[in-house]
Amino acid sequence: MSETTAASSGASIAEEQAIFNLQRVYLRDCSLEIPSAPQVFIDSSEPRLEFQIDTSDQELGQDLSEVSVRCTVTCRLGENIGFLVEATQSAIFEIKGVTEEQRILLKGISCPNIIYPYLRSNMADLVQRSSFPPVHLSEINWEAFFQQKMSRLAAAAEQSNGSESGIILTQ
């Protein structure tokens, strides 16, 4: 009888364990534009790079979530755009046996931390294959990024609760 009790308690412990597994990483979307070609290749202007980055996630069911990191890099040469590259790197994660708060933190911090190196590599490769020097995206502190994003979302929600609409009509 004690063996049965031990076996059933062992099964319940296994069921309660947290599971966080990477199932698949893939390049969801990627585009490169060189609107000023071929003149951009003979322009000697100093390039200026602009970066935009964001994350998103969606539930897929059966304890699976897709998390995506999207980055846009614009290279400007004087008045012209040298190139515009945009990519979304995504991954499917199995997340099970955790609280909702832990799930949000995993999708907002841990998952992008796993996905981002793939995105960095793909973007550097694409830019270099287009006859430009590779763009090496810098490391990101995903915890700080997540906290800033949550602060922006809270501020936006607070603003939207203050009025019915963003348009004020006067006579």
C-alpha atoms as a PDB file:
ATOM      1  CA  MET A   1       0.000   0.000   0.000  1.00  0.00           C
ATOM      2  CA  SER A   2       2.851   2.363   0.742  1.00  0.00           C
ATOM      3  CA  GLU A   3       4.247   1.697  -2.740  1.00  0.00           C
ATOM      4  CA  THR A   4       0.949   2.791  -4.308  1.00  0.00           C
ATOM      5  CA  THR A   5       0.916   5.958  -2.224  1.00  0.00           C
ATOM      6  CA  ALA A   6       4.529   6.726  -3.125  1.00  0.00           C
ATOM      7  CA  ALA A   7       3.862   6.088  -6.815  1.00  0.00           C
ATOM      8  CA  SER A   8       0.798   8.339  -6.869  1.00  0.00           C
ATOM      9  CA  SER A   9       2.594  11.147  -4.998  1.00  0.00           C
ATOM     10  CA  GLY A  10       5.478  10.862  -7.463  1.00  0.00           C
ATOM     11  CA  ALA A  11       3.037  11.231 -10.355  1.00  0.00           C
ATOM     12  CA  SER A  12       1.459  14.337  -8.842  1.00  0.00           C
ATOM     13  CA  ILE A  13       4.900  15.916  -8.335  1.00  0.00           C
ATOM     14  CA  ALA A  14       5.718  15.273 -12.001  1.00  0.00           C
ATOM     15  CA  GLU A  15       2.415  16.863 -13.048  1.00  0.00           C
ATOM     16  CA  GLU A  16       3.132  19.984 -10.977  1.00  0.00           C
ATOM     17  CA  GLN A  17       6.632  20.566 -12.358  1.00  0.00           C
ATOM     18  CA  ALA A  18       7.103  23.627 -14.498  1.00  0.00           C
ATOM     19  CA  ILE A  19       7.899  22.967 -18.150  1.00  0.00           C
ATOM     20  CA  PHE A  20       9.586  25.493 -20.435  1.00  0.00           C
ATOM     21  CA  ASN A  21      10.743  24.042 -23.755  1.00  0.00           C
ATOM     22  CA  LEU A  22      11.735  25.572 -27.064  1.00  0.00           C
ATOM     23  CA  GLN A  23       9.878  23.702 -29.809  1.00  0.00           C
ATOM     24  CA  ARG A  24      10.959  25.547 -32.974  1.00  0.00           C
ATOM     25  CA  VAL A  25      12.674  28.784 -34.089  1.00  0.00           C
ATOM     26  CA  TYR A  26      11.881  30.250 -37.496  1.00  0.00           C
ATOM     27  CA  LEU A  27      12.256  33.402 -39.565  1.00  0.00           C
ATOM     28  CA  ARG A  28       8.624  34.489 -39.866  1.00  0.00           C
ATOM     29  CA  ASP A  29       9.092  37.514 -42.114  1.00  0.00           C
ATOM     30  CA  CYS A  30      12.019  39.277 -43.725  1.00  0.00           C
ATOM     31  CA  SER A  31      12.366  42.080 -46.236  1.00  0.00           C
ATOM     32  CA  LEU A  32      15.131  44.251 -47.604  1.00  0.00           C
ATOM     33  CA  GLU A  33      14.719  47.358 -49.709  1.00  0.00           C
ATOM     34  CA  ILE A  34      17.445  49.369 -51.421  1.00  0.00           C
ATOM     35  CA  PRO A  35      15.388  52.206 -52.900  1.00  0.00           C
ATOM     36  CA  SER A  36      18.343  54.319 -54.057  1.00  0.00           C
ATOM     37  CA  ALA A  37      20.310  51.572 -55.798  1.00  0.00           C
ATOM     38  CA  PRO A  38      22.701  51.771 -57.586  1.00  0.00           C
ATOM     39  CA  GLN A  39      23.573  55.358 -56.547  1.00  0.00           C
ATOM     40  CA  VAL A  40      23.730  54.346 -52.883  1.00  0.00           C
ATOM     41  CA  PHE A  41      26.756  52.148 -53.612  1.00  0.00           C
ATOM     42  CA  ILE A  42      28.812  55.120 -54.840  1.00  0.00           C
ATOM     43  CA  ASP A  43      27.596  57.612 -52.210  1.00  0.00           C
ATOM     44  CA  SER A  44      30.408  58.541 -49.792  1.00  0.00           C
ATOM     45  CA  SER A  45      28.120  60.055 -47.132  1.00  0.00           C
ATOM     46  CA  GLU A  46      28.478  58.877 -43.561  1.00  0.00           C
ATOM     47  CA  PRO A  47      25.737  56.302 -42.865  1.00  0.00           C
ATOM     48  CA  ARG A  48      23.261  56.859 -40.007  1.00  0.00           C
ATOM     49  CA  LEU A  49      21.480  53.809 -38.652  1.00  0.00           C
ATOM     50  CA  GLU A  50      18.041  53.881 -37.009  1.00  0.00           C
ATOM     51  CA  PHE A  51      16.720  50.884 -35.082  1.00  0.00           C
ATOM     52  CA  GLN A  52      13.229  49.898 -33.974  1.00  0.00           C
ATOM     53  CA  ILE A  53      12.546  46.716 -32.047  1.00  0.00           C
ATOM     54  CA  ASP A  54       9.472  45.166 -30.462  1.00  0.00           C
ATOM     55  CA  THR A  55       8.119  41.849 -29.229  1.00  0.00           C
ATOM     56  CA  SER A  56       4.760  40.140 -29.461  1.00  0.00           C
ATOM     57  CA  ASP A  57       3.239  36.849 -28.444  1.00  0.00           C
ATOM     58  CA  GLN A  58       0.161  34.747 -29.022  1.00  0.00           C
ATOM     59  CA  GLU A  59      -1.278  31.646 -27.420  1.00  0.00           C
ATOM     60  CA  LEU A  60      -1.482  28.623 -29.725  1.00  0.00           C
ATOM     61  CA  GLY A  61      -3.320  26.290 -27.330  1.00  0.00           C
ATOM     62  CA  GLN A  62      -2.157  23.046 -25.720  1.00  0.00           C
ATOM     63  CA  ASP A  63       0.328  24.994 -23.551  1.00  0.00           C
ATOM     64  CA  LEU A  64       2.097  26.357 -26.665  1.00  0.00           C
ATOM     65  CA  SER A  65       2.917  30.021 -27.270  1.00  0.00           C
ATOM     66  CA  GLU A  66       4.476  31.823 -30.203  1.00  0.00           C
ATOM     67  CA  VAL A  67       6.809  34.678 -29.282  1.00  0.00           C
ATOM     68  CA  SER A  68       8.202  37.040 -31.933  1.00  0.00           C
ATOM     69  CA  VAL A  69      10.915  39.688 -31.991  1.00  0.00           C
ATOM     70  CA  ARG A  70      10.613  42.230 -34.803  1.00  0.00           C
ATOM     71  CA  CYS A  71      13.389  44.619 -35.783  1.00  0.00           C
ATOM     72  CA  THR A  72      13.626  47.348 -38.409  1.00  0.00           C
ATOM     73  CA  VAL A  73      16.945  48.921 -39.368  1.00  0.00           C
ATOM     74  CA  THR A  74      17.050  51.974 -41.630  1.00  0.00           C
ATOM     75  CA  CYS A  75      20.369  53.168 -43.047  1.00  0.00           C
ATOM     76  CA  ARG A  76      20.375  56.778 -44.231  1.00  0.00           C
ATOM     77  CA  LEU A  77      23.075  58.259 -46.436  1.00  0.00           C
ATOM     78  CA  GLY A  78      22.524  62.005 -46.501  1.00  0.00           C
ATOM     79  CA  GLU A  79      18.994  62.503 -47.826  1.00  0.00           C
ATOM     80  CA  ASN A  80      18.742  59.009 -49.308  1.00  0.00           C
ATOM     81  CA  ILE A  81      17.811  55.728 -47.724  1.00  0.00           C
ATOM     82  CA  GLY A  82      20.683  53.293 -48.218  1.00  0.00           C
ATOM     83  CA  PHE A  83      18.675  50.285 -47.150  1.00  0.00           C
ATOM     84  CA  LEU A  84      15.710  49.319 -45.049  1.00  0.00           C
ATOM     85  CA  VAL A  85      15.724  45.836 -43.543  1.00  0.00           C
ATOM     86  CA  GLU A  86      12.926  44.405 -41.466  1.00  0.00           C
ATOM     87  CA  ALA A  87      12.734  40.941 -39.960  1.00  0.00           C
ATOM     88  CA  THR A  88      10.552  39.028 -37.537  1.00  0.00           C
ATOM     89  CA  GLN A  89      12.098  36.035 -35.822  1.00  0.00           C
ATOM     90  CA  SER A  90       9.626  33.782 -34.034  1.00  0.00           C
ATOM     91  CA  ALA A  91       9.642  30.674 -31.905  1.00  0.00           C
ATOM     92  CA  ILE A  92       7.165  28.240 -30.438  1.00  0.00           C
ATOM     93  CA  PHE A  93       7.551  27.488 -26.742  1.00  0.00           C
ATOM     94  CA  GLU A  94       5.867  24.949 -24.520  1.00  0.00           C
ATOM     95  CA  ILE A  95       5.058  26.659 -21.217  1.00  0.00           C
ATOM     96  CA  LYS A  96       3.250  24.548 -18.660  1.00  0.00           C
ATOM     97  CA  GLY A  97       2.790  24.320 -14.902  1.00  0.00           C
ATOM     98  CA  VAL A  98       3.561  27.973 -14.133  1.00  0.00           C
ATOM     99  CA  THR A  99       1.470  30.830 -12.771  1.00  0.00           C
ATOM    100  CA  GLU A 100       0.088  33.464 -15.144  1.00  0.00           C
ATOM    101  CA  GLU A 101       2.605  35.994 -13.802  1.00  0.00           C
ATOM    102  CA  GLN A 102       5.487  33.592 -14.492  1.00  0.00           C
ATOM    103  CA  ARG A 103       4.075  32.903 -17.968  1.00  0.00           C
ATOM    104  CA  ILE A 104       4.034  36.639 -18.754  1.00  0.00           C
ATOM    105  CA  LEU A 105       7.633  37.025 -17.552  1.00  0.00           C
ATOM    106  CA  LEU A 106       8.802  34.012 -19.570  1.00  0.00           C
ATOM    107  CA  LYS A 107       7.155  35.346 -22.756  1.00  0.00           C
ATOM    108  CA  GLY A 108       8.372  38.891 -22.135  1.00  0.00           C
ATOM    109  CA  ILE A 109      11.955  38.251 -21.022  1.00  0.00           C
ATOM    110  CA  SER A 110      13.234  34.677 -21.422  1.00  0.00           C
ATOM    111  CA  CYS A 111      11.721  33.910 -24.821  1.00  0.00           C
ATOM    112  CA  PRO A 112      13.009  37.084 -26.567  1.00  0.00           C
ATOM    113  CA  ASN A 113      16.418  36.415 -25.006  1.00  0.00           C
ATOM    114  CA  ILE A 114      16.453  33.017 -26.749  1.00  0.00           C
ATOM    115  CA  ILE A 115      15.099  34.309 -30.092  1.00  0.00           C
ATOM    116  CA  TYR A 116      17.183  37.493 -30.453  1.00  0.00           C
ATOM    117  CA  PRO A 117      20.548  35.872 -31.396  1.00  0.00           C
ATOM    118  CA  TYR A 118      18.843  34.192 -34.364  1.00  0.00           C
ATOM    119  CA  LEU A 119      17.399  37.546 -35.466  1.00  0.00           C
ATOM    120  CA  ARG A 120      20.777  39.291 -35.096  1.00  0.00           C
ATOM    121  CA  SER A 121      22.479  36.660 -37.234  1.00  0.00           C
ATOM    122  CA  ASN A 122      19.827  36.671 -39.958  1.00  0.00           C
ATOM    123  CA  MET A 123      19.800  40.464 -40.245  1.00  0.00           C
ATOM    124  CA  ALA A 124      23.610  40.742 -40.354  1.00  0.00           C
ATOM    125  CA  ASP A 125      23.748  38.049 -43.030  1.00  0.00           C
ATOM    126  CA  LEU A 126      21.014  39.629 -45.160  1.00  0.00           C
ATOM    127  CA  VAL A 127      22.585  43.097 -45.051  1.00  0.00           C
ATOM    128  CA  GLN A 128      26.036  41.727 -45.872  1.00  0.00           C
ATOM    129  CA  ARG A 129      24.693  39.658 -48.796  1.00  0.00           C
ATOM    130  CA  SER A 130      23.280  42.929 -50.173  1.00  0.00           C
ATOM    131  CA  SER A 131      26.808  44.384 -50.562  1.00  0.00           C
ATOM    132  CA  PHE A 132      26.711  46.470 -47.378  1.00  0.00           C
ATOM    133  CA  PRO A 133      28.869  46.013 -44.306  1.00  0.00           C
ATOM    134  CA  PRO A 134      27.019  43.755 -41.857  1.00  0.00           C
ATOM    135  CA  VAL A 135      24.876  45.409 -39.218  1.00  0.00           C
ATOM    136  CA  HIS A 136      25.601  43.916 -35.820  1.00  0.00           C
ATOM    137  CA  LEU A 137      22.696  44.584 -33.482  1.00  0.00           C
ATOM    138  CA  SER A 138      23.831  45.181 -29.917  1.00  0.00           C
ATOM    139  CA  GLU A 139      22.845  43.023 -26.977  1.00  0.00           C
ATOM    140  CA  ILE A 140      19.576  43.910 -25.265  1.00  0.00           C
ATOM    141  CA  ASN A 141      18.719  43.695 -21.577  1.00  0.00           C
ATOM    142  CA  TRP A 142      15.335  42.018 -22.084  1.00  0.00           C
ATOM    143  CA  GLU A 143      14.287  42.516 -18.480  1.00  0.00           C
ATOM    144  CA  ALA A 144      14.740  46.301 -18.770  1.00  0.00           C
ATOM    145  CA  PHE A 145      13.059  46.233 -22.207  1.00  0.00           C
ATOM    146  CA  PHE A 146      10.072  44.337 -20.746  1.00  0.00           C
ATOM    147  CA  GLN A 147       9.745  46.749 -17.816  1.00  0.00           C
ATOM    148  CA  GLN A 148       9.812  49.761 -20.164  1.00  0.00           C
ATOM    149  CA  LYS A 149       7.203  48.154 -22.414  1.00  0.00           C
ATOM    150  CA  MET A 150       4.915  47.429 -19.453  1.00  0.00           C
ATOM    151  CA  SER A 151       5.315  51.035 -18.251  1.00  0.00           C
ATOM    152  CA  ARG A 152       4.367  52.365 -21.707  1.00  0.00           C
ATOM    153  CA  LEU A 153       1.329  50.064 -21.873  1.00  0.00           C
ATOM    154  CA  ALA A 154       0.210  51.099 -18.372  1.00  0.00           C
ATOM    155  CA  ALA A 155       0.578  54.783 -19.267  1.00  0.00           C
ATOM    156  CA  ALA A 156      -1.392  54.289 -22.498  1.00  0.00           C
ATOM    157  CA  ALA A 157      -4.150  52.439 -20.625  1.00  0.00           C
ATOM    158  CA  GLU A 158      -4.291  55.192 -18.030  1.00  0.00           C
ATOM    159  CA  GLN A 159      -4.613  57.846 -20.749  1.00  0.00           C
ATOM    160  CA  SER A 160      -7.374  55.961 -22.556  1.00  0.00           C
ATOM    161  CA  ASN A 161      -9.367  55.562 -19.323  1.00  0.00           C
ATOM    162  CA  GLY A 162      -9.390  59.320 -18.866  1.00  0.00           C
ATOM    163  CA  SER A 163     -11.659  60.049 -21.825  1.00  0.00           C
ATOM    164  CA  GLU A 164     -13.999  58.352 -24.253  1.00  0.00           C
ATOM    165  CA  SER A 165     -12.027  59.401 -27.312  1.00  0.00           C
ATOM    166  CA  GLY A 166      -8.834  61.146 -28.284  1.00  0.00           C
ATOM    167  CA  ILE A 167     -10.754  63.756 -30.296  1.00  0.00           C
ATOM    168  CA  ILE A 168     -12.229  66.823 -28.620  1.00  0.00           C
ATOM    169  CA  LEU A 169     -14.811  68.812 -30.566  1.00  0.00           C
ATOM    170  CA  THR A 170     -15.567  72.444 -29.737  1.00  0.00           C
ATOM    171  CA  GLN A 171     -18.007  74.896 -31.204  1.00  0.00           C
END
